[in-house]
């Protein structure tokens, strides 16, 4: 059971963080900001969006720190620093350094929440970094960080009931945490379906839900969800869609699902 929720949690966190930058970068308003501040934010966003290029995540951090020097009390900068830190520590191989970087990401997100308690991105990256840290600290200490993930997602849904990322992460929480700690498959299913409802062009939500449905033995329902995923004509992220559909085909073969994707 412990291994199960750990694997699904890390998959969910990866999917959500990979998609977030494309939707979160536009929340800043140019009104009243200096040109240099705006340029620093813009360059930081550009480097983060191309973080798969070695060194670009660190360049994003550099530009965000420049923006912070110009506006030290900006919650928008702090959540971006937390986001960029993910791109840096994801490539770090040294476990000790990785944990230190994740803690720095948590600190940035906590500061963002302190400065702007109603900032959805701040709560989102605080929860995501809590989850990442839980995966690093070992079995028994991990429980301490799992519950703040749920809390932050619930805070987001109070402010933004249609936030698909909070729904999919909260769905994973209910799916994978043991029932005696609050896990609930029905709640997990409901949240996953809401993620699909509010972001119907993001293939990872469909793959995520179908994976859990197969774990629950609900093959017919999982097949229908996968069929809907293959029918998405213009996916939110085309590159991730290619990976998701490859994984889906493996699931179809593994579970011998009756689904024809020959035309996809």
Foldseek 3Di string as FASTA:
>chain_A
DLVQLLVLLVVLLVLLLLQPLVPPLPPDDPPPDDPLLVVLSVQLSVLQNVLVPPPSLVVSLVSLVVNCVVPVLALSSLLSNLSSLCSVLVPDDDLVVSLVSLVSSLVSLVSSCVSPVLDLSSLQSNLSSLSVNLSRPDDPVSVVSLVSNLVSLVSSCVNPVQDLSSLQSNLSSQLRDDVVVPRDNVSSLVSLVSSCVSFVQALVSLLSNLVSCVVVVNQVVNQVSLQSSLVRPHHPDVVVSVVSNVVVVVVCVVVVHDDDSPVD
